Amino acid sequence: MLIFCPHENSKYSAAERIVSRFENIVFGGSTSSNYLFYNMVFDNLYEANEAYEWIKGLKGVGAVRMGIMRDLIFVRDWLDEEMKKDVSKNP
């Protein structure tokens, strides 16, 4: 989520409330004097929307943008195995 706070003081207050409310924050930080960003993991779309609405309603928050990643596919192990196969065939 990208969170805009028009006043720098309200940014710190919002950040404290967000971090204390959500245990599912993967990482987060501040990009400038007025913006916060957080990557969070939710079990479903309903939980993500609830978090979005709660953050949007915080005092001092001017706007919130949220992007949703619907699928996460790990291919690293598969790719490693394919590369090992190829290397063993063509030493």
N, C-alpha and C. Protein backbone atom coordinates (compact mmCIF):
# COMPACT_ATOMS: atom_id res chain seq x y z
N MET A 1 0.84 -1.17 0.00
CA MET A 1 0.00 0.00 0.00
C MET A 1 0.88 1.23 0.00
N LEU A 2 0.45 2.21 -0.73
CA LEU A 2 1.10 3.52 -0.74
C LEU A 2 0.15 4.49 -0.05
N ILE A 3 0.65 5.13 0.98
CA ILE A 3 -0.19 5.97 1.83
C ILE A 3 0.34 7.40 1.81
N PHE A 4 -0.53 8.34 1.47
CA PHE A 4 -0.17 9.75 1.44
C PHE A 4 -0.73 10.44 2.68
N CYS A 5 0.15 11.12 3.38
CA CYS A 5 -0.23 11.92 4.55
C CYS A 5 0.17 13.37 4.26
N PRO A 6 -0.79 14.30 4.18
CA PRO A 6 -0.49 15.67 3.81
C PRO A 6 0.48 16.38 4.77
N HIS A 7 0.49 15.95 6.02
CA HIS A 7 1.36 16.59 7.01
C HIS A 7 2.32 15.56 7.57
N GLU A 8 3.58 15.93 7.67
CA GLU A 8 4.61 15.00 8.12
C GLU A 8 4.30 14.44 9.52
N ASN A 9 3.78 15.27 10.42
CA ASN A 9 3.46 14.79 11.77
C ASN A 9 2.41 13.68 11.74
N SER A 10 1.43 13.81 10.87
CA SER A 10 0.39 12.78 10.78
C SER A 10 0.94 11.48 10.20
N LYS A 11 2.00 11.58 9.41
CA LYS A 11 2.62 10.38 8.84
C LYS A 11 3.16 9.48 9.95
N TYR A 12 3.82 10.07 10.94
CA TYR A 12 4.39 9.28 12.03
C TYR A 12 3.30 8.62 12.87
N SER A 13 2.23 9.35 13.12
CA SER A 13 1.11 8.80 13.87
C SER A 13 0.46 7.64 13.12
N ALA A 14 0.25 7.82 11.82
CA ALA A 14 -0.35 6.76 11.00
C ALA A 14 0.56 5.54 10.96
N ALA A 15 1.86 5.75 10.82
CA ALA A 15 2.81 4.64 10.76
C ALA A 15 2.77 3.82 12.05
N GLU A 16 2.73 4.48 13.18
CA GLU A 16 2.67 3.78 14.47
C GLU A 16 1.40 2.94 14.58
N ARG A 17 0.28 3.48 14.16
CA ARG A 17 -0.98 2.75 14.25
C ARG A 17 -1.00 1.56 13.29
N ILE A 18 -0.48 1.75 12.10
CA ILE A 18 -0.47 0.66 11.10
C ILE A 18 0.42 -0.48 11.57
N VAL A 19 1.61 -0.17 12.03
CA VAL A 19 2.55 -1.21 12.46
C VAL A 19 2.02 -1.95 13.69
N SER A 20 1.33 -1.24 14.58
CA SER A 20 0.80 -1.91 15.77
C SER A 20 -0.43 -2.76 15.45
N ARG A 21 -1.12 -2.47 14.37
CA ARG A 21 -2.35 -3.21 14.03
C ARG A 21 -2.09 -4.46 13.20
N PHE A 22 -1.11 -4.40 12.28
CA PHE A 22 -0.91 -5.50 11.33
C PHE A 22 0.39 -6.24 11.59
N GLU A 23 0.26 -7.54 11.83
CA GLU A 23 1.44 -8.40 12.02
C GLU A 23 1.92 -8.98 10.70
N ASN A 24 1.16 -8.78 9.65
CA ASN A 24 1.45 -9.38 8.35
C ASN A 24 2.23 -8.45 7.42
N ILE A 25 2.93 -7.47 7.97
CA ILE A 25 3.73 -6.56 7.15
C ILE A 25 5.05 -7.25 6.80
N VAL A 26 5.31 -7.40 5.50
CA VAL A 26 6.54 -8.02 5.04
C VAL A 26 7.68 -7.00 5.13
N PHE A 27 7.42 -5.82 4.61
CA PHE A 27 8.34 -4.70 4.79
C PHE A 27 7.61 -3.40 4.55
N GLY A 28 8.21 -2.32 4.99
CA GLY A 28 7.58 -1.02 4.82
C GLY A 28 8.58 0.08 5.10
N GLY A 29 8.17 1.28 4.83
CA GLY A 29 9.04 2.41 5.08
C GLY A 29 8.43 3.70 4.61
N SER A 30 9.28 4.68 4.49
CA SER A 30 8.87 6.02 4.07
C SER A 30 9.66 6.41 2.84
N THR A 31 8.96 6.91 1.83
CA THR A 31 9.64 7.29 0.59
C THR A 31 9.96 8.78 0.52
N SER A 32 9.26 9.58 1.27
CA SER A 32 9.51 11.02 1.31
C SER A 32 8.85 11.57 2.56
N SER A 33 8.79 12.87 2.67
CA SER A 33 8.20 13.46 3.87
C SER A 33 6.70 13.20 3.99
N ASN A 34 6.03 12.80 2.92
CA ASN A 34 4.58 12.63 2.98
C ASN A 34 4.07 11.23 2.64
N TYR A 35 4.95 10.29 2.32
CA TYR A 35 4.49 8.98 1.88
C TYR A 35 5.02 7.85 2.76
N LEU A 36 4.16 6.85 2.96
CA LEU A 36 4.53 5.59 3.60
C LEU A 36 4.21 4.47 2.61
N PHE A 37 4.93 3.38 2.70
CA PHE A 37 4.57 2.22 1.89
C PHE A 37 4.73 0.95 2.72
N TYR A 38 3.83 0.00 2.48
CA TYR A 38 3.86 -1.27 3.18
C TYR A 38 3.50 -2.39 2.22
N ASN A 39 4.24 -3.48 2.29
CA ASN A 39 3.86 -4.71 1.62
C ASN A 39 3.33 -5.63 2.70
N MET A 40 2.09 -6.07 2.51
CA MET A 40 1.43 -6.94 3.48
C MET A 40 0.91 -8.18 2.78
N VAL A 41 0.78 -9.24 3.55
CA VAL A 41 0.25 -10.49 3.03
C VAL A 41 -1.08 -10.77 3.73
N PHE A 42 -2.12 -11.01 2.95
CA PHE A 42 -3.45 -11.33 3.49
C PHE A 42 -3.89 -12.68 2.96
N ASP A 43 -4.73 -13.34 3.71
CA ASP A 43 -5.24 -14.65 3.29
C ASP A 43 -6.29 -14.56 2.20
N ASN A 44 -6.97 -13.41 2.13
CA ASN A 44 -8.03 -13.28 1.13
C ASN A 44 -8.28 -11.81 0.81
N LEU A 45 -9.06 -11.58 -0.21
CA LEU A 45 -9.36 -10.23 -0.68
C LEU A 45 -10.15 -9.43 0.35
N TYR A 46 -11.02 -10.10 1.08
CA TYR A 46 -11.81 -9.42 2.10
C TYR A 46 -10.90 -8.78 3.15
N GLU A 47 -9.92 -9.53 3.64
CA GLU A 47 -8.99 -8.98 4.64
C GLU A 47 -8.21 -7.80 4.08
N ALA A 48 -7.78 -7.90 2.82
CA ALA A 48 -7.04 -6.80 2.19
C ALA A 48 -7.91 -5.55 2.09
N ASN A 49 -9.15 -5.72 1.70
CA ASN A 49 -10.06 -4.57 1.60
C ASN A 49 -10.35 -3.96 2.97
N GLU A 50 -10.50 -4.80 3.98
CA GLU A 50 -10.72 -4.29 5.34
C GLU A 50 -9.53 -3.45 5.80
N ALA A 51 -8.33 -3.92 5.53
CA ALA A 51 -7.12 -3.17 5.90
C ALA A 51 -7.07 -1.85 5.14
N TYR A 52 -7.37 -1.89 3.86
CA TYR A 52 -7.39 -0.68 3.04
C TYR A 52 -8.35 0.36 3.61
N GLU A 53 -9.56 -0.06 3.93
CA GLU A 53 -10.57 0.86 4.46
C GLU A 53 -10.16 1.41 5.83
N TRP A 54 -9.58 0.55 6.66
CA TRP A 54 -9.15 1.00 7.99
C TRP A 54 -8.05 2.05 7.88
N ILE A 55 -7.08 1.78 7.02
CA ILE A 55 -5.97 2.73 6.84
C ILE A 55 -6.48 4.03 6.23
N LYS A 56 -7.37 3.92 5.24
CA LYS A 56 -7.95 5.11 4.61
C LYS A 56 -8.68 5.98 5.62
N GLY A 57 -9.23 5.38 6.65
CA GLY A 57 -9.98 6.11 7.66
C GLY A 57 -9.15 6.70 8.79
N LEU A 58 -7.85 6.43 8.80
CA LEU A 58 -7.00 6.97 9.86
C LEU A 58 -6.90 8.48 9.77
N LYS A 59 -6.90 9.12 10.92
CA LYS A 59 -6.75 10.58 10.97
C LYS A 59 -5.37 10.94 10.41
N GLY A 60 -5.37 11.90 9.51
CA GLY A 60 -4.13 12.36 8.91
C GLY A 60 -3.76 11.69 7.60
N VAL A 61 -4.50 10.66 7.22
CA VAL A 61 -4.24 9.97 5.95
C VAL A 61 -5.06 10.65 4.86
N GLY A 62 -4.37 11.11 3.82
CA GLY A 62 -5.05 11.80 2.73
C GLY A 62 -5.53 10.87 1.63
N ALA A 63 -4.74 9.85 1.32
CA ALA A 63 -5.10 8.93 0.25
C ALA A 63 -4.34 7.62 0.43
N VAL A 64 -4.92 6.55 -0.10
CA VAL A 64 -4.30 5.22 -0.02
C VAL A 64 -4.45 4.56 -1.38
N ARG A 65 -3.38 3.93 -1.86
CA ARG A 65 -3.44 3.12 -3.08
C ARG A 65 -3.00 1.72 -2.72
N MET A 66 -3.69 0.74 -3.28
CA MET A 66 -3.36 -0.64 -3.00
C MET A 66 -3.34 -1.43 -4.29
N GLY A 67 -2.29 -2.20 -4.48
CA GLY A 67 -2.22 -3.13 -5.60
C GLY A 67 -2.32 -4.55 -5.04
N ILE A 68 -2.95 -5.42 -5.78
CA ILE A 68 -3.14 -6.79 -5.31
C ILE A 68 -2.46 -7.76 -6.27
N MET A 69 -1.62 -8.62 -5.71
CA MET A 69 -0.99 -9.68 -6.47
C MET A 69 -1.84 -10.93 -6.25
N ARG A 70 -2.44 -11.43 -7.29
CA ARG A 70 -3.37 -12.55 -7.16
C ARG A 70 -2.67 -13.91 -7.11
N ASP A 71 -1.57 -14.07 -7.81
CA ASP A 71 -0.86 -15.34 -7.84
C ASP A 71 0.61 -15.11 -7.56
N LEU A 72 1.19 -16.05 -6.87
CA LEU A 72 2.62 -16.03 -6.61
C LEU A 72 3.14 -17.41 -6.95
N ILE A 73 3.99 -17.48 -7.93
CA ILE A 73 4.49 -18.76 -8.39
C ILE A 73 6.00 -18.78 -8.19
N PHE A 74 6.46 -19.72 -7.40
CA PHE A 74 7.89 -19.86 -7.18
C PHE A 74 8.44 -20.82 -8.22
N VAL A 75 9.38 -20.36 -9.03
CA VAL A 75 9.97 -21.21 -10.04
C VAL A 75 11.46 -21.41 -9.82
N ARG A 76 11.98 -20.83 -8.77
CA ARG A 76 13.42 -20.88 -8.54
C ARG A 76 13.94 -22.31 -8.45
N ASP A 77 13.30 -23.17 -7.64
CA ASP A 77 13.75 -24.55 -7.50
C ASP A 77 13.65 -25.28 -8.83
N TRP A 78 12.56 -25.07 -9.55
CA TRP A 78 12.38 -25.71 -10.84
C TRP A 78 13.48 -25.27 -11.81
N LEU A 79 13.75 -23.96 -11.84
CA LEU A 79 14.77 -23.43 -12.73
C LEU A 79 16.15 -23.98 -12.38
N ASP A 80 16.46 -24.05 -11.09
CA ASP A 80 17.75 -24.61 -10.66
C ASP A 80 17.90 -26.04 -11.14
N GLU A 81 16.86 -26.84 -11.00
CA GLU A 81 16.91 -28.24 -11.44
C GLU A 81 17.10 -28.35 -12.95
N GLU A 82 16.40 -27.52 -13.71
CA GLU A 82 16.54 -27.54 -15.16
C GLU A 82 17.96 -27.15 -15.58
N MET A 83 18.54 -26.19 -14.91
CA MET A 83 19.90 -25.77 -15.24
C MET A 83 20.90 -26.88 -14.90
N LYS A 84 20.69 -27.58 -13.78
CA LYS A 84 21.57 -28.69 -13.41
C LYS A 84 21.50 -29.81 -14.44
N LYS A 85 20.28 -30.10 -14.91
CA LYS A 85 20.09 -31.14 -15.93
C LYS A 85 20.85 -30.76 -17.20
N ASP A 86 20.72 -29.50 -17.61
CA ASP A 86 21.37 -29.04 -18.83
C ASP A 86 22.89 -29.10 -18.70
N VAL A 87 23.41 -28.70 -17.56
CA VAL A 87 24.85 -28.70 -17.35
C VAL A 87 25.38 -30.13 -17.32
N SER A 88 24.62 -31.06 -16.72
CA SER A 88 25.09 -32.45 -16.67
C SER A 88 25.05 -33.10 -18.05
N LYS A 89 24.15 -32.66 -18.93
CA LYS A 89 24.10 -33.19 -20.30
C LYS A 89 25.21 -32.64 -21.16
N ASN A 90 25.58 -31.38 -20.93
CA ASN A 90 26.58 -30.70 -21.76
C ASN A 90 27.72 -30.17 -20.89
N PRO A 91 28.60 -31.07 -20.43
CA PRO A 91 29.68 -30.59 -19.54
C PRO A 91 30.68 -29.69 -20.21
